[in-house]
Amino acid sequence: MSTETLDNAFDLFRKFTKSDKETLELIKVFRNTVDEEVQRSVRTKVQTLSTKEDVSEVRHEISNLEIRMTAKFGDTIKWMFLFWVGQLGAMFGFLYYFLK
């Protein structure tokens, strides 16, 4: 806290207390509370930040997922092609049978 802020706080708290000693004690309590709140806020923000290791781990997982999805996509295309060939064979077989 800046000195100007503490001076303003001192003047404000002086209205509610009887002596300067009580005012100083109240300011100490106020300052400790503010410091604790700032430290708690910083700890919370540090816990939610990701590190370079976290980011590289996520990138690795995404690349593995892309590889697996590519493999599944290739399998899907292969089976689709086989079913299309089967359908064409069946269709030409029916046409040959009905036109003969």
C-alpha atoms as a PDB file:
ATOM      1  CA  MET A   1       0.000   0.000   0.000  1.00  0.00           C
ATOM      2  CA  SER A   2       1.212   3.473  -0.719  1.00  0.00           C
ATOM      3  CA  THR A   3       1.848   5.993   2.036  1.00  0.00           C
ATOM      4  CA  GLU A   4      -0.918   8.233   0.717  1.00  0.00           C
ATOM      5  CA  THR A   5      -3.420   5.382   0.977  1.00  0.00           C
ATOM      6  CA  LEU A   6      -2.326   4.637   4.554  1.00  0.00           C
ATOM      7  CA  ASP A   7      -2.622   8.323   5.470  1.00  0.00           C
ATOM      8  CA  ASN A   8      -6.149   8.401   4.063  1.00  0.00           C
ATOM      9  CA  ALA A   9      -6.964   5.189   5.936  1.00  0.00           C
ATOM     10  CA  PHE A  10      -5.519   6.661   9.135  1.00  0.00           C
ATOM     11  CA  ASP A  11      -7.719   9.748   8.808  1.00  0.00           C
ATOM     12  CA  LEU A  12     -10.758   7.580   8.070  1.00  0.00           C
ATOM     13  CA  PHE A  13     -10.151   5.151  10.940  1.00  0.00           C
ATOM     14  CA  ARG A  14      -9.398   7.972  13.368  1.00  0.00           C
ATOM     15  CA  LYS A  15     -13.082   8.972  13.127  1.00  0.00           C
ATOM     16  CA  PHE A  16     -14.108   5.554  14.487  1.00  0.00           C
ATOM     17  CA  THR A  17     -11.530   5.155  17.255  1.00  0.00           C
ATOM     18  CA  LYS A  18     -10.735   7.112  20.389  1.00  0.00           C
ATOM     19  CA  SER A  19      -6.946   7.250  20.201  1.00  0.00           C
ATOM     20  CA  ASP A  20      -4.129   7.172  17.693  1.00  0.00           C
ATOM     21  CA  LYS A  21      -2.900   3.903  19.181  1.00  0.00           C
ATOM     22  CA  GLU A  22      -6.230   2.204  18.475  1.00  0.00           C
ATOM     23  CA  THR A  23      -6.194   3.677  14.986  1.00  0.00           C
ATOM     24  CA  LEU A  24      -2.712   2.257  14.320  1.00  0.00           C
ATOM     25  CA  GLU A  25      -3.832  -1.151  15.584  1.00  0.00           C
ATOM     26  CA  LEU A  26      -6.861  -1.007  13.302  1.00  0.00           C
ATOM     27  CA  ILE A  27      -4.671  -0.071  10.336  1.00  0.00           C
ATOM     28  CA  LYS A  28      -2.338  -2.997  11.097  1.00  0.00           C
ATOM     29  CA  VAL A  29      -5.300  -5.367  11.111  1.00  0.00           C
ATOM     30  CA  PHE A  30      -6.594  -3.797   7.909  1.00  0.00           C
ATOM     31  CA  ARG A  31      -3.176  -4.014   6.236  1.00  0.00           C
ATOM     32  CA  ASN A  32      -2.697  -7.662   7.298  1.00  0.00           C
ATOM     33  CA  THR A  33      -6.143  -8.522   5.951  1.00  0.00           C
ATOM     34  CA  VAL A  34      -5.388  -6.849   2.636  1.00  0.00           C
ATOM     35  CA  ASP A  35      -1.994  -8.570   2.413  1.00  0.00           C
ATOM     36  CA  GLU A  36      -3.567 -11.963   3.130  1.00  0.00           C
ATOM     37  CA  GLU A  37      -6.229 -11.360   0.476  1.00  0.00           C
ATOM     38  CA  VAL A  38      -3.595 -10.389  -2.085  1.00  0.00           C
ATOM     39  CA  GLN A  39      -1.537 -13.475  -1.269  1.00  0.00           C
ATOM     40  CA  ARG A  40      -4.621 -15.700  -1.552  1.00  0.00           C
ATOM     41  CA  SER A  41      -5.480 -14.131  -4.898  1.00  0.00           C
ATOM     42  CA  VAL A  42      -1.931 -14.636  -6.188  1.00  0.00           C
ATOM     43  CA  ARG A  43      -1.919 -18.281  -5.032  1.00  0.00           C
ATOM     44  CA  THR A  44      -5.215 -18.896  -6.806  1.00  0.00           C
ATOM     45  CA  LYS A  45      -3.928 -17.365 -10.034  1.00  0.00           C
ATOM     46  CA  VAL A  46      -0.673 -19.338  -9.849  1.00  0.00           C
ATOM     47  CA  GLN A  47      -2.615 -22.581  -9.434  1.00  0.00           C
ATOM     48  CA  THR A  48      -4.659 -21.885 -12.578  1.00  0.00           C
ATOM     49  CA  LEU A  49      -1.678 -20.949 -14.749  1.00  0.00           C
ATOM     50  CA  SER A  50      -0.273 -23.597 -17.037  1.00  0.00           C
ATOM     51  CA  THR A  51       3.415 -24.256 -17.407  1.00  0.00           C
ATOM     52  CA  LYS A  52       5.349 -25.042 -20.564  1.00  0.00           C
ATOM     53  CA  GLU A  53       5.300 -28.704 -19.566  1.00  0.00           C
ATOM     54  CA  ASP A  54       1.495 -28.609 -19.304  1.00  0.00           C
ATOM     55  CA  VAL A  55       1.183 -27.044 -22.741  1.00  0.00           C
ATOM     56  CA  SER A  56       3.600 -29.528 -24.322  1.00  0.00           C
ATOM     57  CA  GLU A  57       1.712 -32.416 -22.703  1.00  0.00           C
ATOM     58  CA  VAL A  58      -1.584 -31.173 -24.151  1.00  0.00           C
ATOM     59  CA  ARG A  59       0.024 -30.750 -27.590  1.00  0.00           C
ATOM     60  CA  HIS A  60       1.351 -34.305 -27.387  1.00  0.00           C
ATOM     61  CA  GLU A  61      -2.109 -35.633 -26.485  1.00  0.00           C
ATOM     62  CA  ILE A  62      -3.664 -33.702 -29.378  1.00  0.00           C
ATOM     63  CA  SER A  63      -1.109 -35.048 -31.850  1.00  0.00           C
ATOM     64  CA  ASN A  64      -1.768 -38.604 -30.621  1.00  0.00           C
ATOM     65  CA  LEU A  65      -5.499 -38.002 -31.013  1.00  0.00           C
ATOM     66  CA  GLU A  66      -4.958 -36.698 -34.561  1.00  0.00           C
ATOM     67  CA  ILE A  67      -2.959 -39.819 -35.439  1.00  0.00           C
ATOM     68  CA  ARG A  68      -5.686 -42.078 -34.065  1.00  0.00           C
ATOM     69  CA  MET A  69      -8.398 -40.110 -35.867  1.00  0.00           C
ATOM     70  CA  THR A  70      -6.452 -40.329 -39.150  1.00  0.00           C
ATOM     71  CA  ALA A  71      -6.132 -44.086 -38.735  1.00  0.00           C
ATOM     72  CA  LYS A  72      -9.864 -44.416 -38.032  1.00  0.00           C
ATOM     73  CA  PHE A  73     -10.674 -42.185 -40.990  1.00  0.00           C
ATOM     74  CA  GLY A  74      -8.540 -44.390 -43.251  1.00  0.00           C
ATOM     75  CA  ASP A  75     -10.326 -47.502 -42.005  1.00  0.00           C
ATOM     76  CA  THR A  76     -13.681 -45.845 -42.641  1.00  0.00           C
ATOM     77  CA  ILE A  77     -12.731 -44.914 -46.212  1.00  0.00           C
ATOM     78  CA  LYS A  78     -11.492 -48.476 -46.837  1.00  0.00           C
ATOM     79  CA  TRP A  79     -14.751 -50.034 -45.660  1.00  0.00           C
ATOM     80  CA  MET A  80     -16.852 -47.471 -47.532  1.00  0.00           C
ATOM     81  CA  PHE A  81     -14.985 -48.313 -50.733  1.00  0.00           C
ATOM     82  CA  LEU A  82     -15.542 -52.050 -50.189  1.00  0.00           C
ATOM     83  CA  PHE A  83     -19.284 -51.524 -49.632  1.00  0.00           C
ATOM     84  CA  TRP A  84     -19.522 -49.302 -52.737  1.00  0.00           C
ATOM     85  CA  VAL A  85     -17.839 -51.983 -54.811  1.00  0.00           C
ATOM     86  CA  GLY A  86     -20.218 -54.563 -53.348  1.00  0.00           C
ATOM     87  CA  GLN A  87     -23.221 -52.355 -54.103  1.00  0.00           C
ATOM     88  CA  LEU A  88     -22.056 -51.783 -57.678  1.00  0.00           C
ATOM     89  CA  GLY A  89     -21.507 -55.518 -58.112  1.00  0.00           C
ATOM     90  CA  ALA A  90     -24.984 -56.281 -56.788  1.00  0.00           C
ATOM     91  CA  MET A  91     -26.562 -53.551 -58.920  1.00  0.00           C
ATOM     92  CA  PHE A  92     -24.829 -54.761 -62.115  1.00  0.00           C
ATOM     93  CA  GLY A  93     -25.767 -58.335 -61.226  1.00  0.00           C
ATOM     94  CA  PHE A  94     -29.463 -57.408 -60.946  1.00  0.00           C
ATOM     95  CA  LEU A  95     -29.291 -55.383 -64.183  1.00  0.00           C
ATOM     96  CA  TYR A  96     -27.640 -58.268 -65.989  1.00  0.00           C
ATOM     97  CA  TYR A  97     -30.228 -60.712 -64.624  1.00  0.00           C
ATOM     98  CA  PHE A  98     -33.261 -58.520 -65.524  1.00  0.00           C
ATOM     99  CA  LEU A  99     -31.981 -57.428 -68.963  1.00  0.00           C
ATOM    100  CA  LYS A 100     -31.081 -60.949 -70.054  1.00  0.00           C
END
